[in-house]
Structure formats: C-alpha cells, structure tokens
Amino acid sequence: KDAKPTPKQEILEGVESLQIVYGEDTDNDDSANYYVSADAINNWNNVVSLRINLLLRSINNNVAKGSQHLVFNGAPIVTEKNDRYLRRAFTSTVSLRN
C-alpha cells in the first residue's frame, strides 16, 4: 500500500527565508576557511561548521515606515518602500564535533 504523505505543518510563522551554508576546513586547522552551499562542498569530511541564516518578516504589513536595509546570508537586501513589512535577519554559526 502507498503511504499517505504527512501534511506539512508550519512550526514558525513569518519565516521568509532559511539558508544553511557549510564551513569547509581546507588547511586542517579545525576552522572553516569559507562557507558554501551543499552543492559546492569539495569534501564532506572537511565540513567543520554550519552557518544558519534566517530572515523573518512581520505578520502584519503596516509595521515598517519605509524601505529597510539588511544583510542576509552575506548579501545586502533593500526592501521596497511600500512593502511595510518589518524584517530581521538572524545568523548563527555552529561548530560540528567528531
């Protein structure tokens, strides 16, 4: 019998983007030399950390007074002047053990 797909369930409201990049150590000092997407990893054995980038947007669109200037996933973002959603970017880097 075919299994029924599990319905999607939102666990956090207002997430506009979630990006994960991987820190690759190329000189064996246990520190990432650069961060790349999963499809750009040269050797998964060299991955020593993750950088999690989260862009959140307010639920209501009458919060911001004008355009916002943010940095998300290492790139600048400028919102439209009439957008009126408030956004905030969060970044966390996690070291991997073993």
PDB file of N, CA and C in Angstrom:
ATOM      1  N   LYS A   1       0.840  -1.188   0.000  1.00  0.00           N
ATOM      2  CA  LYS A   1       0.000   0.000   0.000  1.00  0.00           C
ATOM      3  C   LYS A   1       0.875   1.237   0.000  1.00  0.00           C
ATOM      4  N   ASP A   2       0.395   2.247  -0.669  1.00  0.00           N
ATOM      5  CA  ASP A   2       1.101   3.530  -0.667  1.00  0.00           C
ATOM      6  C   ASP A   2       0.827   4.264   0.629  1.00  0.00           C
ATOM      7  N   ALA A   3       1.911   4.766   1.233  1.00  0.00           N
ATOM      8  CA  ALA A   3       1.767   5.541   2.466  1.00  0.00           C
ATOM      9  C   ALA A   3       1.249   6.935   2.126  1.00  0.00           C
ATOM     10  N   LYS A   4       0.372   7.425   2.946  1.00  0.00           N
ATOM     11  CA  LYS A   4      -0.142   8.780   2.740  1.00  0.00           C
ATOM     12  C   LYS A   4       0.928   9.781   3.152  1.00  0.00           C
ATOM     13  N   PRO A   5       1.135  10.831   2.360  1.00  0.00           N
ATOM     14  CA  PRO A   5       2.129  11.835   2.750  1.00  0.00           C
ATOM     15  C   PRO A   5       1.683  12.581   4.007  1.00  0.00           C
ATOM     16  N   THR A   6       2.645  12.882   4.834  1.00  0.00           N
ATOM     17  CA  THR A   6       2.361  13.627   6.048  1.00  0.00           C
ATOM     18  C   THR A   6       2.094  15.089   5.678  1.00  0.00           C
ATOM     19  N   PRO A   7       0.997  15.657   6.170  1.00  0.00           N
ATOM     20  CA  PRO A   7       0.722  17.062   5.827  1.00  0.00           C
ATOM     21  C   PRO A   7       1.800  17.978   6.401  1.00  0.00           C
ATOM     22  N   LYS A   8       2.120  19.026   5.652  1.00  0.00           N
ATOM     23  CA  LYS A   8       3.107  19.992   6.122  1.00  0.00           C
ATOM     24  C   LYS A   8       2.543  20.771   7.294  1.00  0.00           C
ATOM     25  N   GLN A   9       3.407  21.060   8.248  1.00  0.00           N
ATOM     26  CA  GLN A   9       2.980  21.792   9.433  1.00  0.00           C
ATOM     27  C   GLN A   9       3.974  22.914   9.698  1.00  0.00           C
ATOM     28  N   GLU A  10       3.465  24.120   9.726  1.00  0.00           N
ATOM     29  CA  GLU A  10       4.313  25.281   9.983  1.00  0.00           C
ATOM     30  C   GLU A  10       4.699  25.298  11.463  1.00  0.00           C
ATOM     31  N   ILE A  11       6.012  25.433  11.737  1.00  0.00           N
ATOM     32  CA  ILE A  11       6.449  25.458  13.127  1.00  0.00           C
ATOM     33  C   ILE A  11       6.867  26.852  13.569  1.00  0.00           C
ATOM     34  N   LEU A  12       7.099  27.746  12.619  1.00  0.00           N
ATOM     35  CA  LEU A  12       7.473  29.114  12.949  1.00  0.00           C
ATOM     36  C   LEU A  12       6.866  30.051  11.910  1.00  0.00           C
ATOM     37  N   GLU A  13       6.042  30.941  12.364  1.00  0.00           N
ATOM     38  CA  GLU A  13       5.344  31.868  11.476  1.00  0.00           C
ATOM     39  C   GLU A  13       6.257  33.033  11.095  1.00  0.00           C
ATOM     40  N   GLY A  14       6.151  33.478   9.857  1.00  0.00           N
ATOM     41  CA  GLY A  14       6.876  34.661   9.418  1.00  0.00           C
ATOM     42  C   GLY A  14       8.265  34.399   8.861  1.00  0.00           C
ATOM     43  N   VAL A  15       8.625  33.144   8.620  1.00  0.00           N
ATOM     44  CA  VAL A  15       9.942  32.849   8.044  1.00  0.00           C
ATOM     45  C   VAL A  15       9.880  33.126   6.549  1.00  0.00           C
ATOM     46  N   GLU A  16      10.661  34.085   6.107  1.00  0.00           N
ATOM     47  CA  GLU A  16      10.700  34.421   4.688  1.00  0.00           C
ATOM     48  C   GLU A  16      11.775  33.618   3.964  1.00  0.00           C
ATOM     49  N   SER A  17      12.889  33.350   4.653  1.00  0.00           N
ATOM     50  CA  SER A  17      13.958  32.563   4.040  1.00  0.00           C
ATOM     51  C   SER A  17      14.801  31.904   5.119  1.00  0.00           C
ATOM     52  N   LEU A  18      15.242  30.684   4.824  1.00  0.00           N
ATOM     53  CA  LEU A  18      16.158  29.935   5.677  1.00  0.00           C
ATOM     54  C   LEU A  18      17.249  29.393   4.774  1.00  0.00           C
ATOM     55  N   GLN A  19      18.482  29.765   5.051  1.00  0.00           N
ATOM     56  CA  GLN A  19      19.620  29.319   4.252  1.00  0.00           C
ATOM     57  C   GLN A  19      20.661  28.705   5.181  1.00  0.00           C
ATOM     58  N   ILE A  20      21.174  27.563   4.786  1.00  0.00           N
ATOM     59  CA  ILE A  20      22.231  26.901   5.557  1.00  0.00           C
ATOM     60  C   ILE A  20      23.444  26.770   4.651  1.00  0.00           C
ATOM     61  N   VAL A  21      24.578  27.240   5.140  1.00  0.00           N
ATOM     62  CA  VAL A  21      25.836  27.090   4.408  1.00  0.00           C
ATOM     63  C   VAL A  21      26.810  26.325   5.295  1.00  0.00           C
ATOM     64  N   TYR A  22      27.762  25.685   4.657  1.00  0.00           N
ATOM     65  CA  TYR A  22      28.650  24.756   5.334  1.00  0.00           C
ATOM     66  C   TYR A  22      30.074  25.287   5.342  1.00  0.00           C
ATOM     67  N   GLY A  23      30.705  25.252   6.513  1.00  0.00           N
ATOM     68  CA  GLY A  23      32.082  25.715   6.650  1.00  0.00           C
ATOM     69  C   GLY A  23      33.047  24.586   6.345  1.00  0.00           C
ATOM     70  N   GLU A  24      33.886  24.818   5.351  1.00  0.00           N
ATOM     71  CA  GLU A  24      34.836  23.791   4.934  1.00  0.00           C
ATOM     72  C   GLU A  24      36.249  24.192   5.359  1.00  0.00           C
ATOM     73  N   ASP A  25      36.928  23.281   6.040  1.00  0.00           N
ATOM     74  CA  ASP A  25      38.304  23.486   6.506  1.00  0.00           C
ATOM     75  C   ASP A  25      39.248  22.854   5.486  1.00  0.00           C
ATOM     76  N   THR A  26      40.017  23.680   4.793  1.00  0.00           N
ATOM     77  CA  THR A  26      40.901  23.164   3.742  1.00  0.00           C
ATOM     78  C   THR A  26      42.367  23.102   4.164  1.00  0.00           C
ATOM     79  N   ASP A  27      42.696  23.602   5.380  1.00  0.00           N
ATOM     80  CA  ASP A  27      44.096  23.578   5.811  1.00  0.00           C
ATOM     81  C   ASP A  27      44.295  22.839   7.138  1.00  0.00           C
ATOM     82  N   ASN A  28      43.303  22.043   7.533  1.00  0.00           N
ATOM     83  CA  ASN A  28      43.385  21.161   8.710  1.00  0.00           C
ATOM     84  C   ASN A  28      43.681  21.877  10.022  1.00  0.00           C
ATOM     85  N   ASP A  29      43.127  23.093  10.200  1.00  0.00           N
ATOM     86  CA  ASP A  29      43.291  23.783  11.478  1.00  0.00           C
ATOM     87  C   ASP A  29      41.998  23.781  12.304  1.00  0.00           C
ATOM     88  N   ASP A  30      41.028  22.953  11.901  1.00  0.00           N
ATOM     89  CA  ASP A  30      39.724  22.820  12.572  1.00  0.00           C
ATOM     90  C   ASP A  30      38.914  24.104  12.573  1.00  0.00           C
ATOM     91  N   SER A  31      39.160  24.980  11.622  1.00  0.00           N
ATOM     92  CA  SER A  31      38.420  26.221  11.463  1.00  0.00           C
ATOM     93  C   SER A  31      38.029  26.364   9.993  1.00  0.00           C
ATOM     94  N   ALA A  32      36.805  26.804   9.753  1.00  0.00           N
ATOM     95  CA  ALA A  32      36.334  26.926   8.373  1.00  0.00           C
ATOM     96  C   ALA A  32      37.107  28.011   7.626  1.00  0.00           C
ATOM     97  N   ASN A  33      37.550  27.679   6.427  1.00  0.00           N
ATOM     98  CA  ASN A  33      38.213  28.657   5.570  1.00  0.00           C
ATOM     99  C   ASN A  33      37.196  29.456   4.753  1.00  0.00           C
ATOM    100  N   TYR A  34      36.045  28.842   4.478  1.00  0.00           N
ATOM    101  CA  TYR A  34      34.974  29.518   3.743  1.00  0.00           C
ATOM    102  C   TYR A  34      33.678  28.757   3.958  1.00  0.00           C
ATOM    103  N   TYR A  35      32.571  29.415   3.628  1.00  0.00           N
ATOM    104  CA  TYR A  35      31.237  28.825   3.752  1.00  0.00           C
ATOM    105  C   TYR A  35      30.606  28.751   2.369  1.00  0.00           C
ATOM    106  N   VAL A  36      30.023  27.588   2.064  1.00  0.00           N
ATOM    107  CA  VAL A  36      29.414  27.369   0.753  1.00  0.00           C
ATOM    108  C   VAL A  36      28.119  26.576   0.908  1.00  0.00           C
ATOM    109  N   SER A  37      27.320  26.568  -0.150  1.00  0.00           N
ATOM    110  CA  SER A  37      26.102  25.757  -0.160  1.00  0.00           C
ATOM    111  C   SER A  37      26.475  24.276  -0.291  1.00  0.00           C
ATOM    112  N   ALA A  38      25.530  23.406  -0.021  1.00  0.00           N
ATOM    113  CA  ALA A  38      25.796  21.962  -0.020  1.00  0.00           C
ATOM    114  C   ALA A  38      26.300  21.459  -1.366  1.00  0.00           C
ATOM    115  N   ASP A  39      25.797  22.018  -2.448  1.00  0.00           N
ATOM    116  CA  ASP A  39      26.213  21.531  -3.760  1.00  0.00           C
ATOM    117  C   ASP A  39      27.620  21.980  -4.153  1.00  0.00           C
ATOM    118  N   ALA A  40      28.238  22.850  -3.358  1.00  0.00           N
ATOM    119  CA  ALA A  40      29.593  23.334  -3.660  1.00  0.00           C
ATOM    120  C   ALA A  40      30.664  22.744  -2.740  1.00  0.00           C
ATOM    121  N   ILE A  41      30.279  21.799  -1.882  1.00  0.00           N
ATOM    122  CA  ILE A  41      31.243  21.173  -0.969  1.00  0.00           C
ATOM    123  C   ILE A  41      32.212  20.306  -1.784  1.00  0.00           C
ATOM    124  N   ASN A  42      33.499  20.513  -1.574  1.00  0.00           N
ATOM    125  CA  ASN A  42      34.511  19.705  -2.257  1.00  0.00           C
ATOM    126  C   ASN A  42      34.712  18.354  -1.584  1.00  0.00           C
ATOM    127  N   ASN A  43      34.696  18.355  -0.232  1.00  0.00           N
ATOM    128  CA  ASN A  43      34.914  17.122   0.513  1.00  0.00           C
ATOM    129  C   ASN A  43      34.121  17.217   1.817  1.00  0.00           C
ATOM    130  N   TRP A  44      33.076  16.400   1.954  1.00  0.00           N
ATOM    131  CA  TRP A  44      32.220  16.468   3.139  1.00  0.00           C
ATOM    132  C   TRP A  44      32.993  16.157   4.425  1.00  0.00           C
ATOM    133  N   ASN A  45      34.086  15.453   4.339  1.00  0.00           N
ATOM    134  CA  ASN A  45      34.905  15.174   5.523  1.00  0.00           C
ATOM    135  C   ASN A  45      35.569  16.434   6.064  1.00  0.00           C
ATOM    136  N   ASN A  46      35.643  17.494   5.256  1.00  0.00           N
ATOM    137  CA  ASN A  46      36.259  18.754   5.675  1.00  0.00           C
ATOM    138  C   ASN A  46      35.263  19.748   6.268  1.00  0.00           C
ATOM    139  N   VAL A  47      33.995  19.389   6.329  1.00  0.00           N
ATOM    140  CA  VAL A  47      32.983  20.296   6.883  1.00  0.00           C
ATOM    141  C   VAL A  47      33.105  20.312   8.402  1.00  0.00           C
ATOM    142  N   VAL A  48      33.351  21.508   8.973  1.00  0.00           N
ATOM    143  CA  VAL A  48      33.560  21.631  10.418  1.00  0.00           C
ATOM    144  C   VAL A  48      32.508  22.492  11.109  1.00  0.00           C
ATOM    145  N   SER A  49      31.651  23.170  10.318  1.00  0.00           N
ATOM    146  CA  SER A  49      30.637  24.018  10.938  1.00  0.00           C
ATOM    147  C   SER A  49      29.493  24.287   9.970  1.00  0.00           C
ATOM    148  N   LEU A  50      28.402  24.788  10.538  1.00  0.00           N
ATOM    149  CA  LEU A  50      27.229  25.213   9.780  1.00  0.00           C
ATOM    150  C   LEU A  50      26.955  26.666  10.111  1.00  0.00           C
ATOM    151  N   ARG A  51      26.512  27.406   9.136  1.00  0.00           N
ATOM    152  CA  ARG A  51      26.035  28.766   9.387  1.00  0.00           C
ATOM    153  C   ARG A  51      24.571  28.803   8.957  1.00  0.00           C
ATOM    154  N   ILE A  52      23.709  29.102   9.921  1.00  0.00           N
ATOM    155  CA  ILE A  52      22.268  29.118   9.683  1.00  0.00           C
ATOM    156  C   ILE A  52      21.820  30.569   9.593  1.00  0.00           C
ATOM    157  N   ASN A  53      21.210  30.917   8.468  1.00  0.00           N
ATOM    158  CA  ASN A  53      20.734  32.280   8.214  1.00  0.00           C
ATOM    159  C   ASN A  53      19.210  32.256   8.134  1.00  0.00           C
ATOM    160  N   LEU A  54      18.576  33.104   8.915  1.00  0.00           N
ATOM    161  CA  LEU A  54      17.122  33.127   8.993  1.00  0.00           C
ATOM    162  C   LEU A  54      16.643  34.557   8.764  1.00  0.00           C
ATOM    163  N   LEU A  55      15.729  34.734   7.823  1.00  0.00           N
ATOM    164  CA  LEU A  55      15.128  36.040   7.556  1.00  0.00           C
ATOM    165  C   LEU A  55      13.662  35.959   7.954  1.00  0.00           C
ATOM    166  N   LEU A  56      13.297  36.751   8.967  1.00  0.00           N
ATOM    167  CA  LEU A  56      11.927  36.765   9.468  1.00  0.00           C
ATOM    168  C   LEU A  56      11.214  38.020   9.007  1.00  0.00           C
ATOM    169  N   ARG A  57       9.920  37.878   8.783  1.00  0.00           N
ATOM    170  CA  ARG A  57       9.094  39.001   8.347  1.00  0.00           C
ATOM    171  C   ARG A  57       7.893  39.107   9.277  1.00  0.00           C
ATOM    172  N   SER A  58       7.510  40.333   9.615  1.00  0.00           N
ATOM    173  CA  SER A  58       6.353  40.535  10.484  1.00  0.00           C
ATOM    174  C   SER A  58       5.094  39.968   9.821  1.00  0.00           C
ATOM    175  N   ILE A  59       4.152  39.577  10.636  1.00  0.00           N
ATOM    176  CA  ILE A  59       2.892  39.035  10.131  1.00  0.00           C
ATOM    177  C   ILE A  59       2.057  40.153   9.514  1.00  0.00           C
ATOM    178  N   ASN A  60       2.058  41.300  10.163  1.00  0.00           N
ATOM    179  CA  ASN A  60       1.295  42.455   9.668  1.00  0.00           C
ATOM    180  C   ASN A  60       2.157  43.293   8.738  1.00  0.00           C
ATOM    181  N   ASN A  61       1.536  43.911   7.742  1.00  0.00           N
ATOM    182  CA  ASN A  61       2.295  44.688   6.774  1.00  0.00           C
ATOM    183  C   ASN A  61       2.200  46.192   6.998  1.00  0.00           C
ATOM    184  N   ASN A  62       1.846  46.614   8.187  1.00  0.00           N
ATOM    185  CA  ASN A  62       1.750  48.040   8.477  1.00  0.00           C
ATOM    186  C   ASN A  62       2.706  48.397   9.619  1.00  0.00           C
ATOM    187  N   VAL A  63       3.905  47.823   9.597  1.00  0.00           N
ATOM    188  CA  VAL A  63       4.833  47.986  10.708  1.00  0.00           C
ATOM    189  C   VAL A  63       6.005  48.893  10.337  1.00  0.00           C
ATOM    190  N   ALA A  64       6.642  48.637   9.204  1.00  0.00           N
ATOM    191  CA  ALA A  64       7.797  49.438   8.785  1.00  0.00           C
ATOM    192  C   ALA A  64       7.322  50.730   8.121  1.00  0.00           C
ATOM    193  N   LYS A  65       8.089  51.805   8.321  1.00  0.00           N
ATOM    194  CA  LYS A  65       7.705  53.107   7.765  1.00  0.00           C
ATOM    195  C   LYS A  65       8.250  53.335   6.367  1.00  0.00           C
ATOM    196  N   GLY A  66       9.246  52.581   5.981  1.00  0.00           N
ATOM    197  CA  GLY A  66       9.851  52.748   4.664  1.00  0.00           C
ATOM    198  C   GLY A  66      10.701  51.551   4.331  1.00  0.00           C
ATOM    199  N   SER A  67      11.550  51.698   3.351  1.00  0.00           N
ATOM    200  CA  SER A  67      12.396  50.577   2.960  1.00  0.00           C
ATOM    201  C   SER A  67      13.405  50.266   4.064  1.00  0.00           C
ATOM    202  N   GLN A  68      13.821  49.016   4.123  1.00  0.00           N
ATOM    203  CA  GLN A  68      14.801  48.564   5.106  1.00  0.00           C
ATOM    204  C   GLN A  68      16.062  48.114   4.381  1.00  0.00           C
ATOM    205  N   HIS A  69      17.198  48.312   5.027  1.00  0.00           N
ATOM    206  CA  HIS A  69      18.490  47.864   4.509  1.00  0.00           C
ATOM    207  C   HIS A  69      19.008  46.794   5.465  1.00  0.00           C
ATOM    208  N   LEU A  70      19.131  45.572   4.961  1.00  0.00           N
ATOM    209  CA  LEU A  70      19.556  44.434   5.772  1.00  0.00           C
ATOM    210  C   LEU A  70      20.692  43.696   5.080  1.00  0.00           C
ATOM    211  N   VAL A  71      21.391  42.875   5.829  1.00  0.00           N
ATOM    212  CA  VAL A  71      22.339  41.929   5.258  1.00  0.00           C
ATOM    213  C   VAL A  71      21.826  40.545   5.621  1.00  0.00           C
ATOM    214  N   PHE A  72      21.612  39.720   4.594  1.00  0.00           N
ATOM    215  CA  PHE A  72      21.124  38.363   4.813  1.00  0.00           C
ATOM    216  C   PHE A  72      21.957  37.395   3.998  1.00  0.00           C
ATOM    217  N   ASN A  73      22.486  36.380   4.657  1.00  0.00           N
ATOM    218  CA  ASN A  73      23.310  35.363   4.016  1.00  0.00           C
ATOM    219  C   ASN A  73      24.492  35.994   3.276  1.00  0.00           C
ATOM    220  N   GLY A  74      25.033  37.053   3.871  1.00  0.00           N
ATOM    221  CA  GLY A  74      26.203  37.718   3.309  1.00  0.00           C
ATOM    222  C   GLY A  74      25.924  38.707   2.199  1.00  0.00           C
ATOM    223  N   ALA A  75      24.669  38.923   1.858  1.00  0.00           N
ATOM    224  CA  ALA A  75      24.326  39.835   0.760  1.00  0.00           C
ATOM    225  C   ALA A  75      23.399  40.944   1.254  1.00  0.00           C
ATOM    226  N   PRO A  76      23.572  42.166   0.731  1.00  0.00           N
ATOM    227  CA  PRO A  76      22.675  43.255   1.127  1.00  0.00           C
ATOM    228  C   PRO A  76      21.285  43.070   0.530  1.00  0.00           C
ATOM    229  N   ILE A  77      20.289  43.454   1.311  1.00  0.00           N
ATOM    230  CA  ILE A  77      18.891  43.424   0.871  1.00  0.00           C
ATOM    231  C   ILE A  77      18.294  44.794   1.153  1.00  0.00           C
ATOM    232  N   VAL A  78      17.592  45.335   0.195  1.00  0.00           N
ATOM    233  CA  VAL A  78      16.839  46.576   0.380  1.00  0.00           C
ATOM    234  C   VAL A  78      15.393  46.267   0.025  1.00  0.00           C
ATOM    235  N   THR A  79      14.491  46.481   0.980  1.00  0.00           N
ATOM    236  CA  THR A  79      13.077  46.193   0.723  1.00  0.00           C
ATOM    237  C   THR A  79      12.433  47.354  -0.032  1.00  0.00           C
ATOM    238  N   GLU A  80      11.328  47.054  -0.654  1.00  0.00           N
ATOM    239  CA  GLU A  80      10.580  48.085  -1.379  1.00  0.00           C
ATOM    240  C   GLU A  80      10.022  49.111  -0.390  1.00  0.00           C
ATOM    241  N   LYS A  81       9.951  50.346  -0.809  1.00  0.00           N
ATOM    242  CA  LYS A  81       9.495  51.428   0.064  1.00  0.00           C
ATOM    243  C   LYS A  81       8.060  51.196   0.548  1.00  0.00           C
ATOM    244  N   ASN A  82       7.203  50.666  -0.305  1.00  0.00           N
ATOM    245  CA  ASN A  82       5.792  50.472   0.044  1.00  0.00           C
ATOM    246  C   ASN A  82       5.509  49.095   0.640  1.00  0.00           C
ATOM    247  N   ASP A  83       6.530  48.302   0.900  1.00  0.00           N
ATOM    248  CA  ASP A  83       6.364  46.942   1.399  1.00  0.00           C
ATOM    249  C   ASP A  83       5.746  46.932   2.800  1.00  0.00           C
ATOM    250  N   ARG A  84       6.229  47.746   3.704  1.00  0.00           N
ATOM    251  CA  ARG A  84       5.722  47.967   5.065  1.00  0.00           C
ATOM    252  C   ARG A  84       5.822  46.776   6.016  1.00  0.00           C
ATOM    253  N   TYR A  85       6.362  45.632   5.571  1.00  0.00           N
ATOM    254  CA  TYR A  85       6.653  44.521   6.481  1.00  0.00           C
ATOM    255  C   TYR A  85       7.985  44.798   7.164  1.00  0.00           C
ATOM    256  N   LEU A  86       8.053  44.502   8.436  1.00  0.00           N
ATOM    257  CA  LEU A  86       9.303  44.637   9.173  1.00  0.00           C
ATOM    258  C   LEU A  86      10.061  43.324   9.067  1.00  0.00           C
ATOM    259  N   ARG A  87      11.338  43.398   8.721  1.00  0.00           N
ATOM    260  CA  ARG A  87      12.161  42.204   8.580  1.00  0.00           C
ATOM    261  C   ARG A  87      13.355  42.273   9.523  1.00  0.00           C
ATOM    262  N   ARG A  88      13.828  41.087   9.908  1.00  0.00           N
ATOM    263  CA  ARG A  88      15.017  40.999  10.745  1.00  0.00           C
ATOM    264  C   ARG A  88      15.785  39.750  10.352  1.00  0.00           C
ATOM    265  N   ALA A  89      17.081  39.896  10.214  1.00  0.00           N
ATOM    266  CA  ALA A  89      17.937  38.768   9.836  1.00  0.00           C
ATOM    267  C   ALA A  89      18.680  38.255  11.067  1.00  0.00           C
ATOM    268  N   PHE A  90      18.759  36.939  11.188  1.00  0.00           N
ATOM    269  CA  PHE A  90      19.486  36.283  12.270  1.00  0.00           C
ATOM    270  C   PHE A  90      20.482  35.299  11.661  1.00  0.00           C
ATOM    271  N   THR A  91      21.648  35.223  12.262  1.00  0.00           N
ATOM    272  CA  THR A  91      22.671  34.283  11.810  1.00  0.00           C
ATOM    273  C   THR A  91      23.290  33.607  13.031  1.00  0.00           C
ATOM    274  N   SER A  92      23.469  32.302  12.921  1.00  0.00           N
ATOM    275  CA  SER A  92      24.128  31.548  13.978  1.00  0.00           C
ATOM    276  C   SER A  92      25.092  30.553  13.340  1.00  0.00           C
ATOM    277  N   THR A  93      26.283  30.462  13.890  1.00  0.00           N
ATOM    278  CA  THR A  93      27.276  29.513  13.412  1.00  0.00           C
ATOM    279  C   THR A  93      27.480  28.435  14.456  1.00  0.00           C
ATOM    280  N   VAL A  94      27.426  27.192  14.012  1.00  0.00           N
ATOM    281  CA  VAL A  94      27.514  26.046  14.912  1.00  0.00           C
ATOM    282  C   VAL A  94      28.704  25.180  14.501  1.00  0.00           C
ATOM    283  N   SER A  95      29.591  24.906  15.455  1.00  0.00           N
ATOM    284  CA  SER A  95      30.718  24.004  15.183  1.00  0.00           C
ATOM    285  C   SER A  95      30.244  22.564  15.280  1.00  0.00           C
ATOM    286  N   LEU A  96      30.759  21.731  14.400  1.00  0.00           N
ATOM    287  CA  LEU A  96      30.420  20.303  14.420  1.00  0.00           C
ATOM    288  C   LEU A  96      31.506  19.533  15.134  1.00  0.00           C
ATOM    289  N   ARG A  97      31.107  18.601  15.940  1.00  0.00           N
ATOM    290  CA  ARG A  97      32.074  17.769  16.648  1.00  0.00           C
ATOM    291  C   ARG A  97      32.209  16.439  15.943  1.00  0.00           C
ATOM    292  N   ASN A  98      33.348  15.817  16.117  1.00  0.00           N
ATOM    293  CA  ASN A  98      33.627  14.493  15.545  1.00  0.00           C
ATOM    294  C   ASN A  98      33.699  14.576  14.047  1.00  0.00           C
TER     295      ASN A  98
END
